[in-house]
Amino acid sequence: MNFFKKKVIIVTGHTGFKGSWLTLWLTLFGAKVIGISRDLPSRPSLFKILQLEKKITDIRQDIRNLDKLIKIFKKYQPNIVFHLAAQAIVKKSYQDPKETFTTNAIGTLNILEAIRFIKKKCYSVIITSDKSYKNLEIKRGYNEKDILGGTDPYSASKASAELIIQSYIHSFYMKKNNNKFIAIARAGNVIGGGDWSEDRLVPDCIKACSNKKTVKIRNPYSTRPWQHVFEAISGYMSLVINLKSKKKIHGEAFNFGPNLNQNYSVISLLKETKKTWPAIQWIVNNKKKKFKESNLLKLNCGKAKKVLKWSSVLSFNENIKMTMEWYKNYYNSKNLKQMKKFSENQIKEFIKLAKKRSKK
């Protein structure tokens, strides 16, 4: 907690699902957050529900505009950068591949270029995706040394971003007098309260249920490394702390996901959500798929556990329960002040649980 107190931290994509939770977490730790996002990505908006615009410097800017991005970095001179801004929907990547590539690849390049204009020591974590790996449908779980790639535009854009990151690190951030340190985070499928993104399983269920409709699912037996958003965020923060104390991890990538035995299918997740929210109903859409998706996706997080001393905290059941409790609370109250407090308490409960389980 003390590590982030009074630090100037730039968070790109701060109005998004993960970005909003990370921003709330950092403000609870006493950080001065500068948020950079193009707009609000969803309605309802978690960013608005958490009333974050009152706690941070909220800048609406497209990361594809390099000149304006450089001006922001020059002005605020951050101690830490978390880069989350992205076009993150696979289906949308087929509909608008140009936006996907320019946002995810060129946008990341612009962040790396803007970091060069920070005059003081700075630590940055750039978030890519578990879909950066070339999907070979392997059961052992991808590790950080596996080949990158992707046939769909989203995966390819993230793999492209990774190549750009490595190029910048080795070209500009490996000199003897270098004072900019960068690490890469690859997270699994993240769920949690406050996500209303399009074409994602849990948000689709919530939106359908709240409108008394049945959700259509595409791939009931596809498996994913489901994890709560708090797990991923704790990984990002752990990475930046270790980046300062262990300079040798500069330029390295780390997976953040559940334990290998916690890869569950879509249908398993749906059945678990129904335990907390019985009204959820679904049917399988048997129409021919319009775009290709991975059937098996698994991450090996042994490196994060060994080097960062990070590991997931929640069981699969706890993950789903915490997520559904947030949504139920929101739809039952819709009181922003109450939801902000409830959200803060969920973070505190997670931290308390993490401390307790780390002692075992």
Protein backbone atom coordinates (compact mmCIF):
# COMPACT_ATOMS: atom_id res chain seq x y z
CA MET A 1 0.00 0.00 0.00
CA ASN A 2 2.79 2.43 0.91
CA PHE A 3 4.50 1.87 -2.44
CA PHE A 4 1.77 3.72 -4.33
CA LYS A 5 1.10 6.50 -1.81
CA LYS A 6 1.55 9.97 -3.37
CA LYS A 7 2.95 8.46 -6.58
CA VAL A 8 1.95 10.13 -9.85
CA ILE A 9 0.51 7.29 -11.94
CA ILE A 10 -0.76 7.38 -15.51
CA VAL A 11 -3.42 4.77 -16.28
CA THR A 12 -4.47 4.46 -19.91
CA GLY A 13 -7.88 2.93 -20.46
CA HIS A 14 -8.93 4.15 -17.00
CA THR A 15 -12.62 4.32 -17.94
CA GLY A 16 -12.73 0.66 -18.95
CA PHE A 17 -13.62 -2.32 -16.79
CA LYS A 18 -10.12 -3.25 -15.58
CA GLY A 19 -8.96 0.36 -15.76
CA SER A 20 -11.74 1.58 -13.46
CA TRP A 21 -11.03 -1.07 -10.84
CA LEU A 22 -7.28 -0.39 -11.00
CA THR A 23 -7.91 3.35 -10.66
CA LEU A 24 -10.17 2.85 -7.63
CA TRP A 25 -7.60 0.55 -6.03
CA LEU A 26 -4.77 3.09 -6.58
CA THR A 27 -6.81 5.97 -5.14
CA LEU A 28 -7.50 3.87 -2.03
CA PHE A 29 -3.72 3.55 -1.70
CA GLY A 30 -3.28 7.34 -1.90
CA ALA A 31 -1.92 7.60 -5.46
CA LYS A 32 -2.37 10.63 -7.71
CA VAL A 33 -3.92 9.08 -10.82
CA ILE A 34 -3.87 10.65 -14.28
CA GLY A 35 -6.36 8.77 -16.45
CA ILE A 36 -6.16 8.73 -20.26
CA SER A 37 -9.08 7.26 -22.22
CA ARG A 38 -10.88 8.08 -25.44
CA ASP A 39 -14.38 7.76 -23.97
CA LEU A 40 -16.69 5.70 -21.78
CA PRO A 41 -16.71 2.21 -23.36
CA SER A 42 -20.07 1.07 -22.00
CA ARG A 43 -23.44 2.11 -20.62
CA PRO A 44 -23.82 1.64 -17.69
CA SER A 45 -20.28 2.78 -16.92
CA LEU A 46 -18.29 1.38 -13.99
CA PHE A 47 -16.17 4.54 -14.09
CA LYS A 48 -19.27 6.64 -13.45
CA ILE A 49 -20.68 4.25 -10.86
CA LEU A 50 -17.44 4.50 -8.85
CA GLN A 51 -17.50 8.32 -9.23
CA LEU A 52 -13.82 8.27 -10.14
CA GLU A 53 -13.89 11.58 -12.00
CA LYS A 54 -14.04 13.24 -8.55
CA LYS A 55 -10.84 11.54 -7.37
CA ILE A 56 -8.47 11.73 -10.35
CA THR A 57 -7.34 13.83 -13.31
CA ASP A 58 -9.65 12.58 -16.06
CA ILE A 59 -8.24 13.15 -19.57
CA ARG A 60 -10.19 12.10 -22.66
CA GLN A 61 -7.63 11.44 -25.36
CA ASP A 62 -7.11 8.85 -28.09
CA ILE A 63 -3.76 7.09 -27.59
CA ARG A 64 -3.32 7.06 -31.37
CA ASN A 65 -2.59 10.81 -31.23
CA LEU A 66 1.12 10.79 -30.41
CA ASP A 67 1.65 14.55 -30.18
CA LYS A 68 -1.05 15.04 -27.55
CA LEU A 69 0.09 11.94 -25.68
CA ILE A 70 3.64 13.30 -25.44
CA LYS A 71 2.32 16.60 -24.07
CA ILE A 72 0.46 14.76 -21.30
CA PHE A 73 3.51 12.70 -20.32
CA LYS A 74 5.74 15.79 -20.39
CA LYS A 75 3.32 17.72 -18.19
CA TYR A 76 2.66 15.11 -15.50
CA GLN A 77 6.03 13.27 -15.42
CA PRO A 78 4.63 10.05 -13.88
CA ASN A 79 6.49 7.73 -11.52
CA ILE A 80 4.47 4.77 -12.82
CA VAL A 81 2.56 3.95 -16.01
CA PHE A 82 -0.08 1.26 -16.43
CA HIS A 83 -1.07 0.86 -20.09
CA LEU A 84 -4.46 -0.85 -20.43
CA ALA A 85 -6.12 1.09 -23.27
CA ALA A 86 -7.10 -1.29 -26.08
CA GLN A 87 -9.72 -2.51 -28.49
CA ALA A 88 -10.35 -5.75 -26.59
CA ILE A 89 -13.28 -7.45 -28.34
CA VAL A 90 -12.49 -10.32 -30.74
CA LYS A 91 -15.76 -9.95 -32.68
CA LYS A 92 -15.19 -6.23 -33.17
CA SER A 93 -11.68 -6.93 -34.46
CA TYR A 94 -13.28 -8.67 -37.45
CA GLN A 95 -15.72 -5.80 -37.97
CA ASP A 96 -13.05 -3.10 -37.77
CA PRO A 97 -9.56 -4.58 -38.08
CA LYS A 98 -7.96 -1.21 -38.83
CA GLU A 99 -9.11 0.31 -35.53
CA THR A 100 -8.01 -2.83 -33.70
CA PHE A 101 -4.48 -2.76 -35.14
CA THR A 102 -3.99 0.99 -34.85
CA THR A 103 -5.26 1.07 -31.26
CA ASN A 104 -3.52 -2.04 -29.96
CA ALA A 105 -0.26 -1.91 -31.92
CA ILE A 106 0.31 1.75 -32.86
CA GLY A 107 -1.31 2.94 -29.63
CA THR A 108 1.18 0.84 -27.65
CA LEU A 109 4.03 2.23 -29.77
CA ASN A 110 2.86 5.75 -28.90
CA ILE A 111 2.88 4.97 -25.18
CA LEU A 112 6.44 3.64 -25.46
CA GLU A 113 7.46 6.76 -27.36
CA ALA A 114 5.79 9.06 -24.80
CA ILE A 115 7.64 7.32 -21.95
CA ARG A 116 10.89 8.57 -23.53
CA PHE A 117 9.84 12.13 -22.59
CA ILE A 118 9.67 11.37 -18.87
CA LYS A 119 12.75 12.96 -17.30
CA LYS A 120 12.81 10.99 -14.05
CA LYS A 121 12.89 7.32 -13.15
CA CYS A 122 9.71 5.57 -14.24
CA TYR A 123 8.30 2.04 -14.00
CA SER A 124 5.76 0.86 -16.56
CA VAL A 125 3.56 -2.21 -16.92
CA ILE A 126 2.08 -2.77 -20.36
CA ILE A 127 -0.90 -5.10 -20.42
CA THR A 128 -1.31 -7.23 -23.54
CA SER A 129 -3.36 -10.46 -23.50
CA ASP A 130 -3.30 -14.23 -23.08
CA LYS A 131 -4.37 -14.24 -26.74
CA SER A 132 -0.92 -12.93 -27.71
CA TYR A 133 0.17 -16.56 -27.79
CA LYS A 134 -0.14 -18.48 -31.03
CA ASN A 135 -2.99 -20.79 -30.15
CA LEU A 136 -1.99 -24.43 -30.57
CA GLU A 137 -4.76 -25.80 -28.32
CA ILE A 138 -2.14 -27.23 -25.92
CA LYS A 139 -3.21 -28.60 -22.54
CA ARG A 140 -0.09 -27.82 -20.48
CA GLY A 141 -0.74 -24.06 -20.39
CA TYR A 142 1.20 -21.40 -22.27
CA ASN A 143 4.32 -20.06 -20.60
CA GLU A 144 6.19 -16.85 -21.32
CA LYS A 145 8.67 -18.55 -23.68
CA ASP A 146 5.99 -19.90 -26.03
CA ILE A 147 5.66 -18.49 -29.52
CA LEU A 148 3.46 -15.43 -30.06
CA GLY A 149 1.03 -15.01 -32.91
CA GLY A 150 -2.61 -14.99 -33.87
CA THR A 151 -4.85 -15.53 -36.87
CA ASP A 152 -7.73 -13.29 -35.81
CA PRO A 153 -7.15 -9.49 -35.94
CA TYR A 154 -7.37 -9.05 -32.15
CA SER A 155 -4.78 -11.73 -31.33
CA ALA A 156 -2.51 -10.58 -34.15
CA SER A 157 -2.73 -6.95 -32.98
CA LYS A 158 -1.69 -7.96 -29.46
CA ALA A 159 1.18 -10.12 -30.74
CA SER A 160 2.24 -7.16 -32.90
CA ALA A 161 2.21 -4.94 -29.82
CA GLU A 162 4.50 -7.40 -28.05
CA LEU A 163 7.03 -7.22 -30.90
CA ILE A 164 6.92 -3.42 -30.75
CA ILE A 165 7.46 -3.48 -26.98
CA GLN A 166 10.53 -5.70 -27.29
CA SER A 167 11.90 -3.56 -30.10
CA TYR A 168 11.59 -0.38 -28.01
CA ILE A 169 13.04 -1.97 -24.90
CA HIS A 170 16.13 -3.23 -26.71
CA SER A 171 16.52 -0.14 -28.90
CA PHE A 172 15.94 2.64 -26.36
CA TYR A 173 15.65 1.26 -22.81
CA MET A 174 18.73 -0.93 -22.42
CA LYS A 175 21.44 1.75 -22.18
CA LYS A 176 23.69 1.99 -19.13
CA ASN A 177 22.08 5.23 -17.99
CA ASN A 178 18.55 3.97 -18.63
CA ASN A 179 16.03 5.04 -15.99
CA LYS A 180 12.88 3.66 -17.61
CA PHE A 181 11.89 0.11 -16.69
CA ILE A 182 9.17 -1.82 -18.47
CA ALA A 183 7.45 -5.18 -17.96
CA ILE A 184 4.63 -6.95 -19.81
CA ALA A 185 1.53 -8.52 -18.26
CA ARG A 186 -0.57 -11.17 -20.00
CA ALA A 187 -3.83 -11.91 -18.20
CA GLY A 188 -6.45 -14.57 -18.70
CA ASN A 189 -10.20 -14.05 -19.15
CA VAL A 190 -11.12 -11.50 -16.50
CA ILE A 191 -14.57 -11.26 -14.95
CA GLY A 192 -15.95 -9.21 -12.08
CA GLY A 193 -18.62 -6.69 -11.16
CA GLY A 194 -19.16 -3.68 -13.40
CA ASP A 195 -18.30 -5.15 -16.79
CA TRP A 196 -20.86 -4.30 -19.47
CA SER A 197 -18.61 -4.85 -22.49
CA GLU A 198 -20.15 -6.25 -25.65
CA ASP A 199 -19.79 -9.88 -26.62
CA ARG A 200 -18.47 -11.14 -23.28
CA LEU A 201 -20.05 -14.04 -21.48
CA VAL A 202 -20.79 -12.66 -18.01
CA PRO A 203 -21.89 -9.17 -19.19
CA ASP A 204 -24.11 -10.80 -21.83
CA CYS A 205 -25.73 -12.93 -19.10
CA ILE A 206 -26.25 -9.93 -16.84
CA LYS A 207 -27.73 -7.74 -19.57
CA ALA A 208 -30.05 -10.50 -20.76
CA CYS A 209 -31.19 -11.39 -17.25
CA SER A 210 -31.80 -7.77 -16.24
CA ASN A 211 -34.09 -7.47 -19.28
CA LYS A 212 -35.75 -10.83 -18.56
CA LYS A 213 -34.26 -12.40 -21.66
CA THR A 214 -32.33 -15.59 -22.40
CA VAL A 215 -28.68 -15.27 -23.37
CA LYS A 216 -27.37 -17.05 -26.45
CA ILE A 217 -23.99 -18.75 -26.07
CA ARG A 218 -21.68 -19.85 -28.88
CA ASN A 219 -19.17 -22.33 -27.49
CA PRO A 220 -20.47 -24.07 -24.33
CA TYR A 221 -17.49 -26.41 -23.95
CA SER A 222 -14.68 -23.98 -24.72
CA THR A 223 -12.39 -23.50 -21.72
CA ARG A 224 -10.85 -20.27 -20.51
CA PRO A 225 -8.56 -19.22 -17.64
CA TRP A 226 -11.36 -17.36 -15.84
CA GLN A 227 -10.16 -15.11 -13.05
CA HIS A 228 -11.55 -12.24 -11.02
CA VAL A 229 -10.48 -8.74 -12.02
CA PHE A 230 -8.85 -8.30 -8.59
CA GLU A 231 -6.48 -11.18 -9.32
CA ALA A 232 -5.25 -9.53 -12.52
CA ILE A 233 -4.91 -6.11 -10.93
CA SER A 234 -3.01 -7.49 -7.95
CA GLY A 235 -0.67 -9.07 -10.50
CA TYR A 236 -0.12 -5.77 -12.32
CA MET A 237 0.65 -3.97 -9.07
CA SER A 238 2.91 -6.76 -7.86
CA LEU A 239 4.78 -6.58 -11.17
CA VAL A 240 5.46 -2.85 -10.96
CA ILE A 241 6.65 -3.17 -7.33
CA ASN A 242 9.01 -5.98 -8.30
CA LEU A 243 10.15 -4.02 -11.34
CA LYS A 244 11.59 -1.43 -8.97
CA SER A 245 13.25 -3.89 -6.60
CA LYS A 246 14.36 -6.41 -9.25
CA LYS A 247 15.71 -4.53 -12.25
CA LYS A 248 16.61 -7.86 -13.88
CA ILE A 249 12.95 -8.41 -14.82
CA HIS A 250 13.05 -5.29 -17.01
CA GLY A 251 11.77 -6.27 -20.44
CA GLU A 252 10.21 -9.53 -19.33
CA ALA A 253 6.65 -10.81 -19.66
CA PHE A 254 4.53 -12.45 -16.95
CA ASN A 255 1.33 -14.48 -17.11
CA PHE A 256 -1.42 -13.78 -14.58
CA GLY A 257 -4.21 -16.30 -14.34
CA PRO A 258 -5.79 -18.98 -12.15
CA ASN A 259 -4.11 -22.19 -11.10
CA LEU A 260 -3.77 -24.72 -13.93
CA ASN A 261 -6.47 -26.92 -12.41
CA GLN A 262 -8.97 -24.03 -12.53
CA ASN A 263 -9.59 -23.95 -16.28
CA TYR A 264 -13.37 -24.27 -16.60
CA SER A 265 -15.72 -24.44 -19.56
CA VAL A 266 -18.29 -21.84 -20.52
CA ILE A 267 -21.11 -24.14 -19.38
CA SER A 268 -19.44 -24.67 -15.98
CA LEU A 269 -19.26 -20.92 -15.47
CA LEU A 270 -22.92 -20.48 -16.40
CA LYS A 271 -24.04 -23.18 -13.96
CA GLU A 272 -22.02 -21.53 -11.20
CA THR A 273 -23.52 -18.09 -11.88
CA LYS A 274 -26.99 -19.58 -11.63
CA LYS A 275 -26.30 -20.62 -8.02
CA THR A 276 -26.08 -16.94 -7.03
CA TRP A 277 -28.53 -15.57 -9.61
CA PRO A 278 -31.11 -18.30 -10.41
CA ALA A 279 -32.94 -16.15 -12.97
CA ILE A 280 -30.09 -16.48 -15.49
CA GLN A 281 -31.16 -18.57 -18.51
CA TRP A 282 -29.26 -19.55 -21.65
CA ILE A 283 -29.57 -21.42 -24.91
CA VAL A 284 -26.85 -22.64 -27.28
CA ASN A 285 -26.69 -20.78 -30.59
CA ASN A 286 -26.10 -23.54 -33.16
CA LYS A 287 -25.68 -21.18 -36.10
CA LYS A 288 -22.42 -21.43 -38.02
CA LYS A 289 -19.75 -19.26 -36.40
CA LYS A 290 -18.95 -16.06 -38.26
CA PHE A 291 -15.45 -15.88 -36.82
CA LYS A 292 -12.93 -18.28 -35.37
CA GLU A 293 -12.36 -18.57 -31.62
CA SER A 294 -10.03 -20.73 -29.54
CA ASN A 295 -11.56 -23.80 -27.90
CA LEU A 296 -8.80 -24.34 -25.35
CA LEU A 297 -6.87 -21.53 -23.69
CA LYS A 298 -4.75 -22.07 -20.59
CA LEU A 299 -1.96 -20.09 -18.90
CA ASN A 300 0.98 -21.32 -16.85
CA CYS A 301 1.68 -18.72 -14.15
CA GLY A 302 4.64 -20.47 -12.55
CA LYS A 303 7.00 -17.62 -13.41
CA ALA A 304 4.89 -15.02 -11.57
CA LYS A 305 4.66 -17.33 -8.57
CA LYS A 306 8.42 -17.96 -8.48
CA VAL A 307 9.78 -14.50 -9.33
CA LEU A 308 7.07 -12.15 -8.03
CA LYS A 309 5.72 -14.35 -5.22
CA TRP A 310 2.29 -13.77 -6.77
CA SER A 311 -0.45 -16.36 -7.01
CA SER A 312 -4.22 -16.33 -7.43
CA VAL A 313 -6.28 -16.06 -4.26
CA LEU A 314 -9.86 -16.96 -5.15
CA SER A 315 -11.28 -20.35 -6.02
CA PHE A 316 -13.47 -20.62 -9.12
CA ASN A 317 -16.61 -20.63 -6.95
CA GLU A 318 -15.46 -17.58 -4.96
CA ASN A 319 -14.61 -15.81 -8.19
CA ILE A 320 -18.15 -16.25 -9.55
CA LYS A 321 -19.84 -15.46 -6.24
CA MET A 322 -17.96 -12.18 -5.77
CA THR A 323 -18.79 -11.18 -9.34
CA MET A 324 -22.50 -11.95 -9.11
CA GLU A 325 -22.87 -10.33 -5.69
CA TRP A 326 -21.62 -7.05 -7.16
CA TYR A 327 -24.19 -7.14 -9.97
CA LYS A 328 -27.03 -8.12 -7.65
CA ASN A 329 -26.14 -5.27 -5.34
CA TYR A 330 -26.08 -2.82 -8.24
CA TYR A 331 -29.42 -3.84 -9.71
CA ASN A 332 -31.07 -3.91 -6.28
CA SER A 333 -29.87 -0.44 -5.26
CA LYS A 334 -28.48 1.64 -8.16
CA ASN A 335 -27.32 4.08 -5.48
CA LEU A 336 -23.91 5.36 -6.64
CA LYS A 337 -22.67 6.31 -3.18
CA GLN A 338 -23.65 2.89 -1.82
CA MET A 339 -22.09 1.08 -4.82
CA LYS A 340 -18.82 2.96 -4.46
CA LYS A 341 -18.66 1.89 -0.81
CA PHE A 342 -19.62 -1.68 -1.68
CA SER A 343 -16.89 -1.79 -4.35
CA GLU A 344 -14.27 -0.44 -1.95
CA ASN A 345 -15.29 -3.06 0.59
CA GLN A 346 -14.90 -5.83 -1.99
CA ILE A 347 -11.32 -4.70 -2.58
CA LYS A 348 -10.63 -4.62 1.16
CA GLU A 349 -12.14 -8.10 1.59
CA PHE A 350 -9.95 -9.43 -1.22
CA ILE A 351 -6.81 -7.91 0.33
CA LYS A 352 -7.71 -9.35 3.72
CA LEU A 353 -8.27 -12.79 2.19
CA ALA A 354 -5.01 -12.59 0.22
CA LYS A 355 -3.05 -11.78 3.37
CA LYS A 356 -4.68 -14.61 5.27
CA ARG A 357 -4.01 -17.21 2.57
CA SER A 358 -0.45 -16.06 1.94
CA LYS A 359 0.42 -17.05 5.51
CA LYS A 360 -0.58 -20.68 4.94
